[in-house]
C-alpha atoms as a PDB file:
ATOM      1  CA  UNK A   1       8.249   1.584 -13.041  1.00  0.00           C
ATOM      2  CA  UNK A   2       9.237   4.481 -15.513  1.00  0.00           C
ATOM      3  CA  UNK A   3       9.061   6.940 -12.910  1.00  0.00           C
ATOM      4  CA  UNK A   4      11.128   4.795 -10.275  1.00  0.00           C
ATOM      5  CA  UNK A   5      13.699   3.760 -13.033  1.00  0.00           C
ATOM      6  CA  UNK A   6      14.288   7.370 -13.990  1.00  0.00           C
ATOM      7  CA  UNK A   7      13.840   9.647 -11.035  1.00  0.00           C
ATOM      8  CA  UNK A   8      14.457   7.559  -7.790  1.00  0.00           C
ATOM      9  CA  UNK A   9      18.072   6.471  -7.123  1.00  0.00           C
ATOM     10  CA  UNK A  10      18.925   3.170  -5.368  1.00  0.00           C
ATOM     11  CA  UNK A  11      19.114   3.162  -1.718  1.00  0.00           C
ATOM     12  CA  UNK A  12      17.429   6.445  -1.122  1.00  0.00           C
ATOM     13  CA  UNK A  13      14.028   5.726   0.436  1.00  0.00           C
ATOM     14  CA  UNK A  14      13.559   5.422   4.386  1.00  0.00           C
ATOM     15  CA  UNK A  15      10.083   3.782   4.170  1.00  0.00           C
ATOM     16  CA  UNK A  16       7.640   2.591   1.412  1.00  0.00           C
ATOM     17  CA  UNK A  17       3.965   1.954   1.967  1.00  0.00           C
ATOM     18  CA  UNK A  18       1.711   0.675  -1.053  1.00  0.00           C
ATOM     19  CA  UNK A  19      -1.821   0.006  -1.441  1.00  0.00           C
ATOM     20  CA  UNK A  20      -1.730  -1.543  -4.920  1.00  0.00           C
ATOM     21  CA  UNK A  21      -4.590  -3.056  -6.788  1.00  0.00           C
ATOM     22  CA  UNK A  22      -5.770  -6.128  -5.203  1.00  0.00           C
ATOM     23  CA  UNK A  23      -6.731  -8.429  -8.061  1.00  0.00           C
ATOM     24  CA  UNK A  24     -10.238  -7.838  -7.168  1.00  0.00           C
ATOM     25  CA  UNK A  25     -11.770  -7.863 -10.645  1.00  0.00           C
ATOM     26  CA  UNK A  26     -13.423  -4.459 -10.263  1.00  0.00           C
ATOM     27  CA  UNK A  27     -13.189  -0.863 -11.817  1.00  0.00           C
ATOM     28  CA  UNK A  28     -13.339   1.759  -9.313  1.00  0.00           C
ATOM     29  CA  UNK A  29     -14.742   4.989 -10.228  1.00  0.00           C
ATOM     30  CA  UNK A  30     -14.857   8.539  -8.754  1.00  0.00           C
ATOM     31  CA  UNK A  31     -18.457   9.179  -7.111  1.00  0.00           C
ATOM     32  CA  UNK A  32     -20.379  12.106  -7.976  1.00  0.00           C
ATOM     33  CA  UNK A  33     -18.932  15.325  -6.365  1.00  0.00           C
ATOM     34  CA  UNK A  34     -21.085  18.111  -7.636  1.00  0.00           C
ATOM     35  CA  UNK A  35     -22.533  18.762  -4.177  1.00  0.00           C
ATOM     36  CA  UNK A  36     -19.070  19.089  -2.512  1.00  0.00           C
ATOM     37  CA  UNK A  37     -16.650  22.088  -2.670  1.00  0.00           C
ATOM     38  CA  UNK A  38     -14.075  20.051  -4.418  1.00  0.00           C
ATOM     39  CA  UNK A  39     -14.987  19.754  -8.147  1.00  0.00           C
ATOM     40  CA  UNK A  40     -12.613  17.301 -10.113  1.00  0.00           C
ATOM     41  CA  UNK A  41     -12.433  18.197 -13.819  1.00  0.00           C
ATOM     42  CA  UNK A  42     -11.421  14.390 -14.641  1.00  0.00           C
ATOM     43  CA  UNK A  43     -14.157  12.105 -14.239  1.00  0.00           C
ATOM     44  CA  UNK A  44     -12.890   8.938 -15.776  1.00  0.00           C
ATOM     45  CA  UNK A  45     -12.038   5.511 -13.854  1.00  0.00           C
ATOM     46  CA  UNK A  46     -10.084   6.085 -10.740  1.00  0.00           C
ATOM     47  CA  UNK A  47      -8.359   2.821 -11.658  1.00  0.00           C
ATOM     48  CA  UNK A  48      -8.928  -0.526 -12.802  1.00  0.00           C
ATOM     49  CA  UNK A  49      -8.253  -3.755 -10.974  1.00  0.00           C
ATOM     50  CA  UNK A  50      -8.953  -6.230 -13.665  1.00  0.00           C
ATOM     51  CA  UNK A  51      -6.134  -8.610 -15.048  1.00  0.00           C
ATOM     52  CA  UNK A  52      -6.322 -10.779 -17.980  1.00  0.00           C
ATOM     53  CA  UNK A  53      -3.639 -13.176 -19.335  1.00  0.00           C
ATOM     54  CA  UNK A  54      -2.703 -12.318 -22.794  1.00  0.00           C
ATOM     55  CA  UNK A  55       0.416 -12.108 -25.180  1.00  0.00           C
ATOM     56  CA  UNK A  56       1.453  -9.013 -23.539  1.00  0.00           C
ATOM     57  CA  UNK A  57       1.494 -10.899 -20.081  1.00  0.00           C
ATOM     58  CA  UNK A  58       3.410 -13.698 -21.575  1.00  0.00           C
ATOM     59  CA  UNK A  59       5.983 -11.339 -22.922  1.00  0.00           C
ATOM     60  CA  UNK A  60       6.260  -9.906 -19.367  1.00  0.00           C
ATOM     61  CA  UNK A  61       6.491 -13.301 -17.757  1.00  0.00           C
ATOM     62  CA  UNK A  62       9.185 -14.168 -20.047  1.00  0.00           C
ATOM     63  CA  UNK A  63      11.028 -10.983 -19.303  1.00  0.00           C
ATOM     64  CA  UNK A  64      11.039 -11.302 -15.733  1.00  0.00           C
ATOM     65  CA  UNK A  65      12.071 -15.155 -15.733  1.00  0.00           C
ATOM     66  CA  UNK A  66      15.055 -14.026 -18.122  1.00  0.00           C
ATOM     67  CA  UNK A  67      16.179 -10.848 -16.587  1.00  0.00           C
ATOM     68  CA  UNK A  68      15.472 -11.235 -12.745  1.00  0.00           C
ATOM     69  CA  UNK A  69      17.270 -14.368 -11.668  1.00  0.00           C
ATOM     70  CA  UNK A  70      15.734 -14.544  -8.221  1.00  0.00           C
ATOM     71  CA  UNK A  71      12.217 -14.641  -9.429  1.00  0.00           C
ATOM     72  CA  UNK A  72      12.675 -17.345 -12.131  1.00  0.00           C
ATOM     73  CA  UNK A  73      11.739 -20.258  -9.825  1.00  0.00           C
ATOM     74  CA  UNK A  74       9.057 -18.330  -8.014  1.00  0.00           C
ATOM     75  CA  UNK A  75       7.438 -17.347 -11.334  1.00  0.00           C
ATOM     76  CA  UNK A  76       7.654 -20.697 -12.901  1.00  0.00           C
ATOM     77  CA  UNK A  77       6.068 -22.152  -9.660  1.00  0.00           C
ATOM     78  CA  UNK A  78       3.359 -19.760  -9.789  1.00  0.00           C
ATOM     79  CA  UNK A  79       2.614 -20.781 -13.484  1.00  0.00           C
ATOM     80  CA  UNK A  80       2.498 -24.501 -12.541  1.00  0.00           C
ATOM     81  CA  UNK A  81       0.144 -23.561  -9.557  1.00  0.00           C
ATOM     82  CA  UNK A  82      -2.396 -21.300 -11.160  1.00  0.00           C
ATOM     83  CA  UNK A  83      -1.595 -21.837 -15.020  1.00  0.00           C
ATOM     84  CA  UNK A  84      -1.770 -18.951 -17.463  1.00  0.00           C
ATOM     85  CA  UNK A  85      -4.629 -17.108 -15.669  1.00  0.00           C
ATOM     86  CA  UNK A  86      -5.745 -13.890 -14.786  1.00  0.00           C
ATOM     87  CA  UNK A  87      -4.100 -14.283 -11.250  1.00  0.00           C
ATOM     88  CA  UNK A  88      -0.633 -14.792 -13.122  1.00  0.00           C
ATOM     89  CA  UNK A  89      -1.085 -11.844 -15.197  1.00  0.00           C
ATOM     90  CA  UNK A  90      -1.550  -9.959 -11.759  1.00  0.00           C
ATOM     91  CA  UNK A  91       1.522 -11.394 -10.326  1.00  0.00           C
ATOM     92  CA  UNK A  92       3.520 -10.457 -13.581  1.00  0.00           C
ATOM     93  CA  UNK A  93       2.449  -6.778 -13.029  1.00  0.00           C
ATOM     94  CA  UNK A  94       3.439  -6.936  -9.475  1.00  0.00           C
ATOM     95  CA  UNK A  95       6.628  -8.664  -9.547  1.00  0.00           C
ATOM     96  CA  UNK A  96       8.879  -6.124 -11.496  1.00  0.00           C
ATOM     97  CA  UNK A  97       7.463  -3.239  -9.251  1.00  0.00           C
ATOM     98  CA  UNK A  98       8.294  -5.002  -5.918  1.00  0.00           C
ATOM     99  CA  UNK A  99      11.907  -5.613  -7.324  1.00  0.00           C
ATOM    100  CA  UNK A 100      12.315  -1.823  -8.098  1.00  0.00           C
ATOM    101  CA  UNK A 101      11.013  -1.030  -4.351  1.00  0.00           C
ATOM    102  CA  UNK A 102      13.758  -3.322  -2.973  1.00  0.00           C
ATOM    103  CA  UNK A 103      16.408  -1.387  -5.170  1.00  0.00           C
ATOM    104  CA  UNK A 104      15.513   2.176  -4.019  1.00  0.00           C
ATOM    105  CA  UNK A 105      14.931   1.237  -0.172  1.00  0.00           C
ATOM    106  CA  UNK A 106      17.688   2.141   2.136  1.00  0.00           C
ATOM    107  CA  UNK A 107      19.462  -0.741   4.115  1.00  0.00           C
ATOM    108  CA  UNK A 108      17.669   0.767   7.367  1.00  0.00           C
ATOM    109  CA  UNK A 109      14.370   1.031   5.521  1.00  0.00           C
ATOM    110  CA  UNK A 110      11.270  -1.194   5.389  1.00  0.00           C
ATOM    111  CA  UNK A 111       8.072  -1.711   3.206  1.00  0.00           C
ATOM    112  CA  UNK A 112       4.488  -2.094   4.082  1.00  0.00           C
ATOM    113  CA  UNK A 113       2.521  -3.864   1.454  1.00  0.00           C
ATOM    114  CA  UNK A 114      -1.118  -3.616   1.918  1.00  0.00           C
ATOM    115  CA  UNK A 115      -3.291  -6.565   0.290  1.00  0.00           C
ATOM    116  CA  UNK A 116      -6.149  -8.836   1.151  1.00  0.00           C
ATOM    117  CA  UNK A 117      -6.812 -12.385   0.900  1.00  0.00           C
ATOM    118  CA  UNK A 118      -7.303 -12.413  -2.764  1.00  0.00           C
ATOM    119  CA  UNK A 119      -3.419 -12.330  -3.425  1.00  0.00           C
ATOM    120  CA  UNK A 120      -1.815 -11.990  -0.161  1.00  0.00           C
ATOM    121  CA  UNK A 121      -0.487 -15.500   0.000  1.00  0.00           C
ATOM    122  CA  UNK A 122       1.139 -15.092  -3.523  1.00  0.00           C
ATOM    123  CA  UNK A 123       2.567 -11.640  -2.788  1.00  0.00           C
ATOM    124  CA  UNK A 124       4.067 -12.893   0.429  1.00  0.00           C
ATOM    125  CA  UNK A 125       5.878 -15.494  -1.789  1.00  0.00           C
ATOM    126  CA  UNK A 126       6.916 -12.820  -4.186  1.00  0.00           C
ATOM    127  CA  UNK A 127       8.325 -10.535  -1.389  1.00  0.00           C
ATOM    128  CA  UNK A 128      10.237 -13.583   0.204  1.00  0.00           C
ATOM    129  CA  UNK A 129      11.803 -13.981  -3.187  1.00  0.00           C
ATOM    130  CA  UNK A 130      12.824 -10.401  -3.459  1.00  0.00           C
ATOM    131  CA  UNK A 131      13.442  -9.265   0.051  1.00  0.00           C
ATOM    132  CA  UNK A 132      14.369 -12.590   1.515  1.00  0.00           C
ATOM    133  CA  UNK A 133      12.238 -14.614   4.132  1.00  0.00           C
ATOM    134  CA  UNK A 134      14.457 -13.523   6.919  1.00  0.00           C
ATOM    135  CA  UNK A 135      13.395  -9.967   6.263  1.00  0.00           C
ATOM    136  CA  UNK A 136       9.762 -10.649   6.812  1.00  0.00           C
ATOM    137  CA  UNK A 137       8.695  -8.759  10.048  1.00  0.00           C
ATOM    138  CA  UNK A 138       4.922  -9.028  10.574  1.00  0.00           C
ATOM    139  CA  UNK A 139       1.613  -9.713   8.889  1.00  0.00           C
ATOM    140  CA  UNK A 140      -0.474  -7.168  10.141  1.00  0.00           C
ATOM    141  CA  UNK A 141      -4.292  -7.349  10.251  1.00  0.00           C
ATOM    142  CA  UNK A 142      -6.228  -4.239   9.582  1.00  0.00           C
ATOM    143  CA  UNK A 143      -9.407  -4.709  11.251  1.00  0.00           C
ATOM    144  CA  UNK A 144     -12.055  -2.436   9.825  1.00  0.00           C
ATOM    145  CA  UNK A 145     -15.398  -3.972  10.727  1.00  0.00           C
ATOM    146  CA  UNK A 146     -17.517  -2.575   7.932  1.00  0.00           C
ATOM    147  CA  UNK A 147     -18.380  -4.406   4.813  1.00  0.00           C
ATOM    148  CA  UNK A 148     -20.655  -7.202   3.434  1.00  0.00           C
ATOM    149  CA  UNK A 149     -21.541 -10.456   4.784  1.00  0.00           C
ATOM    150  CA  UNK A 150     -22.311 -13.802   3.517  1.00  0.00           C
ATOM    151  CA  UNK A 151     -24.095 -16.955   4.559  1.00  0.00           C
ATOM    152  CA  UNK A 152     -21.595 -18.908   2.548  1.00  0.00           C
ATOM    153  CA  UNK A 153     -18.456 -18.115   4.735  1.00  0.00           C
ATOM    154  CA  UNK A 154     -17.192 -15.937   7.615  1.00  0.00           C
ATOM    155  CA  UNK A 155     -17.429 -12.159   6.815  1.00  0.00           C
ATOM    156  CA  UNK A 156     -14.272 -10.795   5.681  1.00  0.00           C
ATOM    157  CA  UNK A 157     -13.426  -7.900   7.942  1.00  0.00           C
ATOM    158  CA  UNK A 158      -9.888  -7.266   7.744  1.00  0.00           C
ATOM    159  CA  UNK A 159      -7.024  -6.576   5.093  1.00  0.00           C
ATOM    160  CA  UNK A 160      -3.337  -7.797   5.396  1.00  0.00           C
ATOM    161  CA  UNK A 161      -0.297  -5.516   5.644  1.00  0.00           C
ATOM    162  CA  UNK A 162       2.757  -7.379   4.835  1.00  0.00           C
ATOM    163  CA  UNK A 163       5.950  -5.781   6.568  1.00  0.00           C
ATOM    164  CA  UNK A 164       9.406  -6.349   5.346  1.00  0.00           C
ATOM    165  CA  UNK A 165      12.932  -4.805   6.106  1.00  0.00           C
ATOM    166  CA  UNK A 166      15.654  -4.349   3.555  1.00  0.00           C
ATOM    167  CA  UNK A 167      18.266  -5.724   5.903  1.00  0.00           C
ATOM    168  CA  UNK A 168      17.826  -8.128   8.832  1.00  0.00           C
ATOM    169  CA  UNK A 169      17.867  -6.448  12.122  1.00  0.00           C
ATOM    170  CA  UNK A 170      18.622  -2.935  10.716  1.00  0.00           C
ATOM    171  CA  UNK A 171      15.373  -1.487  10.225  1.00  0.00           C
ATOM    172  CA  UNK A 172      14.127   1.524  12.267  1.00  0.00           C
ATOM    173  CA  UNK A 173      11.243   0.920  14.575  1.00  0.00           C
ATOM    174  CA  UNK A 174       9.820   2.515  17.637  1.00  0.00           C
ATOM    175  CA  UNK A 175       6.305   0.920  18.417  1.00  0.00           C
ATOM    176  CA  UNK A 176       3.438   3.120  18.672  1.00  0.00           C
ATOM    177  CA  UNK A 177       1.715   3.005  22.167  1.00  0.00           C
ATOM    178  CA  UNK A 178      -1.998   2.430  22.348  1.00  0.00           C
ATOM    179  CA  UNK A 179      -4.186   2.525  25.373  1.00  0.00           C
ATOM    180  CA  UNK A 180      -4.185  -0.770  27.465  1.00  0.00           C
ATOM    181  CA  UNK A 181      -7.557  -2.527  27.992  1.00  0.00           C
ATOM    182  CA  UNK A 182      -6.752  -4.827  30.793  1.00  0.00           C
ATOM    183  CA  UNK A 183      -7.706  -4.080  34.453  1.00  0.00           C
ATOM    184  CA  UNK A 184      -3.967  -4.648  35.576  1.00  0.00           C
ATOM    185  CA  UNK A 185      -2.674  -1.829  33.152  1.00  0.00           C
ATOM    186  CA  UNK A 186      -5.706   0.618  33.320  1.00  0.00           C
ATOM    187  CA  UNK A 187      -4.750   4.061  32.483  1.00  0.00           C
ATOM    188  CA  UNK A 188      -1.479   2.927  30.989  1.00  0.00           C
ATOM    189  CA  UNK A 189      -0.326   2.377  27.454  1.00  0.00           C
ATOM    190  CA  UNK A 190       1.176  -0.529  25.817  1.00  0.00           C
ATOM    191  CA  UNK A 191       2.730  -1.518  22.238  1.00  0.00           C
ATOM    192  CA  UNK A 192       0.202  -1.832  19.469  1.00  0.00           C
ATOM    193  CA  UNK A 193      -0.164  -5.473  18.559  1.00  0.00           C
ATOM    194  CA  UNK A 194      -0.038  -7.010  15.073  1.00  0.00           C
ATOM    195  CA  UNK A 195      -3.772  -6.275  14.513  1.00  0.00           C
ATOM    196  CA  UNK A 196      -5.125  -2.768  14.159  1.00  0.00           C
ATOM    197  CA  UNK A 197      -8.600  -1.892  15.046  1.00  0.00           C
ATOM    198  CA  UNK A 198      -9.142   1.161  13.091  1.00  0.00           C
ATOM    199  CA  UNK A 199     -12.478   2.174  11.540  1.00  0.00           C
ATOM    200  CA  UNK A 200     -12.851   3.055   7.752  1.00  0.00           C
ATOM    201  CA  UNK A 201     -13.774   6.348   6.918  1.00  0.00           C
ATOM    202  CA  UNK A 202     -17.249   7.264   7.330  1.00  0.00           C
ATOM    203  CA  UNK A 203     -19.514   9.194   4.973  1.00  0.00           C
ATOM    204  CA  UNK A 204     -19.409  12.502   7.035  1.00  0.00           C
ATOM    205  CA  UNK A 205     -15.626  12.233   8.095  1.00  0.00           C
ATOM    206  CA  UNK A 206     -13.718  15.478   7.424  1.00  0.00           C
ATOM    207  CA  UNK A 207     -10.792  13.515   5.934  1.00  0.00           C
ATOM    208  CA  UNK A 208     -13.032  11.929   3.155  1.00  0.00           C
ATOM    209  CA  UNK A 209     -12.141  13.005  -0.324  1.00  0.00           C
ATOM    210  CA  UNK A 210     -14.220  10.617  -2.433  1.00  0.00           C
ATOM    211  CA  UNK A 211     -11.416   8.256  -3.578  1.00  0.00           C
ATOM    212  CA  UNK A 212     -13.068   4.901  -3.884  1.00  0.00           C
ATOM    213  CA  UNK A 213     -10.146   2.994  -1.954  1.00  0.00           C
ATOM    214  CA  UNK A 214      -9.261   6.034   0.426  1.00  0.00           C
ATOM    215  CA  UNK A 215      -7.464   4.654   3.617  1.00  0.00           C
ATOM    216  CA  UNK A 216      -7.992   6.413   7.127  1.00  0.00           C
ATOM    217  CA  UNK A 217      -5.245   8.789   8.136  1.00  0.00           C
ATOM    218  CA  UNK A 218      -4.847   6.858  11.423  1.00  0.00           C
ATOM    219  CA  UNK A 219      -3.935   3.653   9.597  1.00  0.00           C
ATOM    220  CA  UNK A 220      -1.098   5.675   7.861  1.00  0.00           C
ATOM    221  CA  UNK A 221      -0.006   7.391  11.126  1.00  0.00           C
ATOM    222  CA  UNK A 222       0.572   3.971  12.616  1.00  0.00           C
ATOM    223  CA  UNK A 223       3.040   3.024   9.993  1.00  0.00           C
ATOM    224  CA  UNK A 224       4.789   6.272   9.600  1.00  0.00           C
ATOM    225  CA  UNK A 225       5.128   7.131  13.249  1.00  0.00           C
ATOM    226  CA  UNK A 226       6.665   3.526  14.178  1.00  0.00           C
ATOM    227  CA  UNK A 227       8.761   3.125  11.090  1.00  0.00           C
ATOM    228  CA  UNK A 228      10.258   6.613  10.154  1.00  0.00           C
ATOM    229  CA  UNK A 229      11.815   9.451  11.809  1.00  0.00           C
ATOM    230  CA  UNK A 230      11.240  13.327  11.135  1.00  0.00           C
ATOM    231  CA  UNK A 231      13.006  14.251   8.043  1.00  0.00           C
ATOM    232  CA  UNK A 232      12.855  10.826   6.628  1.00  0.00           C
ATOM    233  CA  UNK A 233      11.904  10.225   2.843  1.00  0.00           C
ATOM    234  CA  UNK A 234       8.425   8.186   2.369  1.00  0.00           C
ATOM    235  CA  UNK A 235       7.307   6.776  -0.918  1.00  0.00           C
ATOM    236  CA  UNK A 236       3.898   5.777  -1.849  1.00  0.00           C
ATOM    237  CA  UNK A 237       4.176   4.342  -5.459  1.00  0.00           C
ATOM    238  CA  UNK A 238       0.422   3.907  -5.742  1.00  0.00           C
ATOM    239  CA  UNK A 239      -0.561   6.967  -3.835  1.00  0.00           C
ATOM    240  CA  UNK A 240      -4.405   7.267  -4.967  1.00  0.00           C
ATOM    241  CA  UNK A 241      -5.976   9.865  -2.841  1.00  0.00           C
ATOM    242  CA  UNK A 242      -2.618  11.142  -1.228  1.00  0.00           C
ATOM    243  CA  UNK A 243      -3.320   9.830   2.318  1.00  0.00           C
ATOM    244  CA  UNK A 244       0.297   8.799   2.892  1.00  0.00           C
ATOM    245  CA  UNK A 245       1.714  11.975   1.384  1.00  0.00           C
ATOM    246  CA  UNK A 246      -0.695  14.105   3.578  1.00  0.00           C
ATOM    247  CA  UNK A 247       0.000  12.228   6.758  1.00  0.00           C
ATOM    248  CA  UNK A 248       3.927  12.133   5.990  1.00  0.00           C
ATOM    249  CA  UNK A 249       3.945  15.932   5.569  1.00  0.00           C
ATOM    250  CA  UNK A 250       1.769  16.456   8.798  1.00  0.00           C
ATOM    251  CA  UNK A 251       4.297  14.359  10.673  1.00  0.00           C
ATOM    252  CA  UNK A 252       7.368  16.471   9.333  1.00  0.00           C
ATOM    253  CA  UNK A 253       8.475  13.709   6.736  1.00  0.00           C
ATOM    254  CA  UNK A 254       9.421  14.080   3.212  1.00  0.00           C
ATOM    255  CA  UNK A 255       7.166  12.331   0.790  1.00  0.00           C
ATOM    256  CA  UNK A 256       7.146  11.241  -2.783  1.00  0.00           C
ATOM    257  CA  UNK A 257       4.000   9.692  -4.627  1.00  0.00           C
ATOM    258  CA  UNK A 258       3.274   8.185  -8.029  1.00  0.00           C
ATOM    259  CA  UNK A 259       0.209   7.216  -9.606  1.00  0.00           C
ATOM    260  CA  UNK A 260      -0.967   6.388 -13.047  1.00  0.00           C
ATOM    261  CA  UNK A 261      -4.416   8.031 -12.683  1.00  0.00           C
ATOM    262  CA  UNK A 262      -4.949  11.393 -13.880  1.00  0.00           C
ATOM    263  CA  UNK A 263      -7.857  11.529 -11.317  1.00  0.00           C
ATOM    264  CA  UNK A 264      -5.643  10.462  -8.522  1.00  0.00           C
ATOM    265  CA  UNK A 265      -2.953  13.218  -9.520  1.00  0.00           C
ATOM    266  CA  UNK A 266      -5.703  15.825  -9.420  1.00  0.00           C
ATOM    267  CA  UNK A 267      -7.011  14.701  -6.105  1.00  0.00           C
ATOM    268  CA  UNK A 268      -3.580  14.780  -4.494  1.00  0.00           C
ATOM    269  CA  UNK A 269      -2.795  18.518  -5.550  1.00  0.00           C
ATOM    270  CA  UNK A 270      -6.333  19.528  -4.440  1.00  0.00           C
ATOM    271  CA  UNK A 271      -5.751  17.823  -1.223  1.00  0.00           C
ATOM    272  CA  UNK A 272      -2.395  19.462  -0.790  1.00  0.00           C
ATOM    273  CA  UNK A 273      -3.513  22.862  -1.433  1.00  0.00           C
ATOM    274  CA  UNK A 274      -6.333  22.448   1.074  1.00  0.00           C
ATOM    275  CA  UNK A 275      -3.812  21.120   3.768  1.00  0.00           C
ATOM    276  CA  UNK A 276      -1.621  24.313   3.224  1.00  0.00           C
ATOM    277  CA  UNK A 277      -4.320  26.684   3.626  1.00  0.00           C
ATOM    278  CA  UNK A 278      -5.361  24.845   6.855  1.00  0.00           C
ATOM    279  CA  UNK A 279      -1.872  25.110   8.048  1.00  0.00           C
ATOM    280  CA  UNK A 280      -1.588  28.834   7.611  1.00  0.00           C
ATOM    281  CA  UNK A 281      -5.174  29.346   9.091  1.00  0.00           C
END
């Protein structure tokens, strides 16, 4: 919030992608990288994804309901629904950040909010309150296939990506084409649907850096290619391993990244150095 308030002016960003904490109740750490060429000097927690309701959460809740009129009814409704809970603490954290994203996004811009089922329904209501339900475009399912299973419920094998525009029918969009699979269209291409079957990054992949929640470059390519043009300015306010920034640069877009983790900042800087070397080579 501090960085966006002080350094990013209103109506200046063409496209936003964010992969924030999911309210997963976990702490994420960097793996041991001593056997790799990249040696990180900071080996603290990558980031925490645990939220607790306390006096600070109550103070922030009161500030939101008093200072952001369009969120008062929504936050009061959340309080009635989930009570003074850890989930409400998480939503109190997300609400003002999403409000800032709306402020800095251009009229022709759009935002992709990456989440999972632990909070996607609540985040969609927050986005409706800030961006307007008329600006909801898609709920994209990223089908990654890997992960655990359970004998108590269907295996959870996808994340949600909520896509909103700033202004109805003014956003830029040029659909990415993928190979058609039907016999009728064999050898042709078609628009990608609202479910993307993109594998997670395997342990031997060249792009793998070691950040615990790193997303595959192909996922960001889909978003950046379809919703921005060369020269546009892309923002990732939870940039983590820097995948958004790296892909944006490769696709000739400008990019801004923000992260509170010192480990994430070091990883990003190292990644950019290596990308520059690769380009020269």
